């Protein structure tokens, strides 16, 4: 029993020595240099990882892998890289020009006192005045059209009166007084005067 065990051990030792000898024979100086360089780089990498505290970041990285956050970060990096490759010099110039114009516009708005107007609008909104102004704005625009039409009529009447000859005498006055247009004009003036007295001359 012991003899068989010793024989097996001797055979294994012999085979192991042959494997080591074969490996020694197959190794060239270049392979030994590469193995030594790889081992040195691996030891240097392990040393840097230990000094940088990478071991503390491993649990966080593992959690990001489990949650899928690392994959999303990788996808975001790919999107950013693709966008960076797609940007041409012309596009970068346009973006920079747009940003510059936006900053200039913001500076002009700030210097023009626009924010004070915003504060006034906020005050009007809080008191409800802005809503009343908005509701009365269509009517106000209609009234402005009426005022513009009235001024146009006055201007036309002035031009027409200036072009007409001025005739005197009782006959001319009688003709004017009996003219239908004159009667309608007097009725219009009387109605206008009545409305002005009713709305503008009310006793306080």
Protein backbone atom coordinates (compact mmCIF):
# COMPACT_ATOMS: atom_id res chain seq x y z
CA UNK A 1 0.00 0.00 0.00
CA UNK A 2 2.72 2.41 1.02
CA UNK A 3 4.83 1.29 -1.93
CA UNK A 4 2.04 2.13 -4.40
CA UNK A 5 1.53 5.53 -2.81
CA UNK A 6 5.24 6.31 -3.04
CA UNK A 7 5.31 5.20 -6.67
CA UNK A 8 2.33 7.45 -7.55
CA UNK A 9 3.95 10.38 -5.80
CA UNK A 10 7.19 9.79 -7.63
CA UNK A 11 5.32 9.67 -10.96
CA UNK A 12 3.47 12.93 -10.18
CA UNK A 13 6.72 14.64 -9.15
CA UNK A 14 8.35 13.46 -12.34
CA UNK A 15 5.46 14.74 -14.50
CA UNK A 16 5.45 18.05 -12.66
CA UNK A 17 9.16 18.47 -13.27
CA UNK A 18 8.60 17.73 -16.96
CA UNK A 19 5.81 20.37 -17.17
CA UNK A 20 8.02 22.96 -15.48
CA UNK A 21 10.94 22.08 -17.74
CA UNK A 22 8.71 22.33 -20.84
CA UNK A 23 7.38 25.71 -19.72
CA UNK A 24 10.92 26.91 -19.04
CA UNK A 25 12.04 25.78 -22.47
CA UNK A 26 9.08 27.41 -24.23
CA UNK A 27 9.57 30.78 -22.55
CA UNK A 28 11.67 33.20 -24.56
CA UNK A 29 13.31 36.35 -23.30
CA UNK A 30 10.60 38.47 -24.96
CA UNK A 31 7.83 36.49 -23.25
CA UNK A 32 9.56 36.79 -19.90
CA UNK A 33 9.89 40.54 -20.40
CA UNK A 34 6.21 40.85 -21.29
CA UNK A 35 5.14 38.81 -18.28
CA UNK A 36 7.33 40.93 -16.02
CA UNK A 37 5.94 44.14 -17.52
CA UNK A 38 2.34 42.94 -17.16
CA UNK A 39 2.96 41.93 -13.55
CA UNK A 40 4.51 45.31 -12.78
CA UNK A 41 1.58 47.17 -14.39
CA UNK A 42 -0.91 45.04 -12.47
CA UNK A 43 0.85 45.73 -9.17
CA UNK A 44 0.99 49.46 -9.99
CA UNK A 45 -2.73 49.48 -10.83
CA UNK A 46 -3.56 47.71 -7.57
CA UNK A 47 -1.43 50.23 -5.66
CA UNK A 48 -3.16 53.21 -7.32
CA UNK A 49 -6.60 51.72 -6.66
CA UNK A 50 -5.73 51.25 -3.01
CA UNK A 51 -4.40 54.78 -2.56
CA UNK A 52 -7.30 56.44 -4.42
CA UNK A 53 -9.94 54.81 -2.23
CA UNK A 54 -11.47 52.86 -5.10
CA UNK A 55 -12.49 50.14 -2.67
CA UNK A 56 -14.92 52.61 -1.08
CA UNK A 57 -16.56 53.30 -4.45
CA UNK A 58 -17.08 49.65 -5.34
CA UNK A 59 -20.31 49.29 -3.26
CA UNK A 60 -21.73 52.43 -4.87
CA UNK A 61 -20.80 51.18 -8.33
CA UNK A 62 -22.38 47.81 -7.55
CA UNK A 63 -25.57 49.56 -6.45
CA UNK A 64 -25.59 51.62 -9.67
CA UNK A 65 -25.19 48.43 -11.70
CA UNK A 66 -28.07 46.77 -9.86
CA UNK A 67 -30.36 49.80 -10.30
CA UNK A 68 -29.43 50.30 -13.95
CA UNK A 69 -28.08 53.80 -13.26
CA UNK A 70 -24.68 52.92 -14.68
CA UNK A 71 -26.28 51.80 -17.94
CA UNK A 72 -28.26 55.04 -18.13
CA UNK A 73 -25.10 57.05 -17.52
CA UNK A 74 -23.41 55.12 -20.29
CA UNK A 75 -26.29 55.83 -22.66
CA UNK A 76 -26.20 59.52 -21.71
CA UNK A 77 -22.48 59.62 -22.42
CA UNK A 78 -23.08 58.03 -25.83
CA UNK A 79 -25.79 60.61 -26.60
CA UNK A 80 -23.46 63.44 -25.55
CA UNK A 81 -20.67 62.00 -27.68
CA UNK A 82 -23.00 61.69 -30.67
CA UNK A 83 -24.22 65.28 -30.20
CA UNK A 84 -20.63 66.47 -29.92
CA UNK A 85 -19.73 64.70 -33.16
CA UNK A 86 -22.82 66.14 -34.89
CA UNK A 87 -21.99 69.73 -33.94
CA UNK A 88 -20.18 71.59 -36.67
CA UNK A 89 -18.22 74.80 -36.33
CA UNK A 90 -21.09 76.71 -37.93
CA UNK A 91 -23.61 75.30 -35.44
CA UNK A 92 -21.34 76.14 -32.52
CA UNK A 93 -20.97 79.68 -33.86
CA UNK A 94 -24.74 80.06 -34.20
CA UNK A 95 -25.34 78.78 -30.69
CA UNK A 96 -22.74 81.17 -29.29
CA UNK A 97 -24.25 84.06 -31.26
CA UNK A 98 -27.75 83.21 -30.02
CA UNK A 99 -26.55 83.06 -26.43
CA UNK A 100 -24.81 86.39 -26.85
CA UNK A 101 -27.93 88.03 -28.28
CA UNK A 102 -30.01 86.56 -25.46
CA UNK A 103 -27.67 87.98 -22.82
CA UNK A 104 -27.68 91.36 -24.57
CA UNK A 105 -31.49 91.36 -24.70
CA UNK A 106 -31.68 90.46 -21.03
CA UNK A 107 -29.29 93.29 -20.19
CA UNK A 108 -31.33 95.80 -22.19
CA UNK A 109 -34.55 94.62 -20.54
CA UNK A 110 -32.96 94.98 -17.13
CA UNK A 111 -31.69 98.50 -17.85
CA UNK A 112 -34.99 99.64 -19.39
CA UNK A 113 -36.90 99.16 -16.15
CA UNK A 114 -39.01 96.33 -17.52
CA UNK A 115 -39.12 94.69 -14.10
CA UNK A 116 -40.85 97.77 -12.67
CA UNK A 117 -43.54 97.31 -15.32
CA UNK A 118 -43.85 93.69 -14.23
CA UNK A 119 -44.32 94.84 -10.63
CA UNK A 120 -47.04 97.26 -11.75
CA UNK A 121 -48.78 94.46 -13.66
CA UNK A 122 -48.60 92.24 -10.57
CA UNK A 123 -50.12 95.02 -8.49
CA UNK A 124 -52.94 95.47 -11.01
CA UNK A 125 -53.53 91.72 -11.02
CA UNK A 126 -53.70 91.53 -7.22
CA UNK A 127 -56.27 94.34 -7.04
CA UNK A 128 -58.39 93.00 -9.90
CA UNK A 129 -57.80 96.12 -11.99
CA UNK A 130 -56.06 94.17 -14.72
CA UNK A 131 -59.12 92.01 -15.28
CA UNK A 132 -61.36 95.08 -15.48
CA UNK A 133 -59.00 96.68 -17.98
CA UNK A 134 -58.99 93.51 -20.07
CA UNK A 135 -62.79 93.31 -20.07
CA UNK A 136 -63.21 96.96 -21.00
CA UNK A 137 -60.47 96.98 -23.63
CA UNK A 138 -62.72 95.98 -26.60
CA UNK A 139 -65.17 98.72 -25.72
CA UNK A 140 -62.31 101.18 -25.33
CA UNK A 141 -60.96 100.29 -28.76
CA UNK A 142 -64.43 100.79 -30.23
CA UNK A 143 -64.63 104.21 -28.59
CA UNK A 144 -61.21 105.08 -29.98
CA UNK A 145 -62.48 104.22 -33.45
CA UNK A 146 -65.41 106.53 -32.87
CA UNK A 147 -63.09 109.33 -31.75
CA UNK A 148 -60.90 108.81 -34.80
CA UNK A 149 -64.02 108.93 -37.02
CA UNK A 150 -65.22 112.10 -35.27
CA UNK A 151 -61.90 113.82 -35.86
CA UNK A 152 -62.00 112.76 -39.51
CA UNK A 153 -65.50 114.20 -39.86
CA UNK A 154 -64.42 117.49 -38.27
CA UNK A 155 -61.44 117.68 -40.60
CA UNK A 156 -63.62 117.00 -43.65
CA UNK A 157 -66.21 119.56 -42.53
CA UNK A 158 -63.50 122.17 -42.05
CA UNK A 159 -62.13 121.56 -45.53
CA UNK A 160 -65.61 121.63 -47.07
CA UNK A 161 -66.55 124.85 -45.26
CA UNK A 162 -63.33 126.48 -46.38
CA UNK A 163 -64.06 125.58 -49.99
CA UNK A 164 -67.66 126.87 -49.97
CA UNK A 165 -68.34 130.53 -50.75
CA UNK A 166 -69.68 132.59 -47.85
CA UNK A 167 -72.96 134.17 -48.93
CA UNK A 168 -74.68 136.70 -46.65
CA UNK A 169 -78.15 138.11 -46.35
CA UNK A 170 -81.56 137.08 -45.02
CA UNK A 171 -82.23 134.89 -48.05
CA UNK A 172 -79.13 132.81 -47.52
CA UNK A 173 -79.90 132.49 -43.81
CA UNK A 174 -83.52 131.49 -44.56
CA UNK A 175 -82.32 128.90 -47.07
CA UNK A 176 -79.93 127.43 -44.52
CA UNK A 177 -82.60 127.31 -41.79
CA UNK A 178 -85.15 125.59 -44.02
CA UNK A 179 -82.69 123.02 -45.37
CA UNK A 180 -83.33 119.43 -44.22
CA UNK A 181 -79.63 118.87 -43.59
CA UNK A 182 -79.53 121.88 -41.33
CA UNK A 183 -82.47 120.60 -39.31
CA UNK A 184 -80.86 117.19 -38.92
CA UNK A 185 -77.56 118.81 -37.90
CA UNK A 186 -79.31 120.88 -35.26
CA UNK A 187 -81.13 117.77 -33.98
CA UNK A 188 -77.81 115.92 -33.79
CA UNK A 189 -76.20 118.77 -31.86
CA UNK A 190 -79.15 118.95 -29.47
CA UNK A 191 -79.05 115.20 -28.86
CA UNK A 192 -75.30 115.30 -28.34
CA UNK A 193 -75.63 118.16 -25.88
CA UNK A 194 -78.33 116.27 -23.99
CA UNK A 195 -76.18 113.15 -23.71
CA UNK A 196 -73.16 115.18 -22.57
CA UNK A 197 -75.23 116.85 -19.87
CA UNK A 198 -76.66 113.52 -18.76
CA UNK A 199 -73.34 111.67 -18.50
CA UNK A 200 -70.73 114.37 -17.96
CA UNK A 201 -72.55 117.12 -16.09
CA UNK A 202 -74.17 115.06 -13.34
CA UNK A 203 -74.33 116.77 -9.95
CA UNK A 204 -71.94 115.18 -7.41
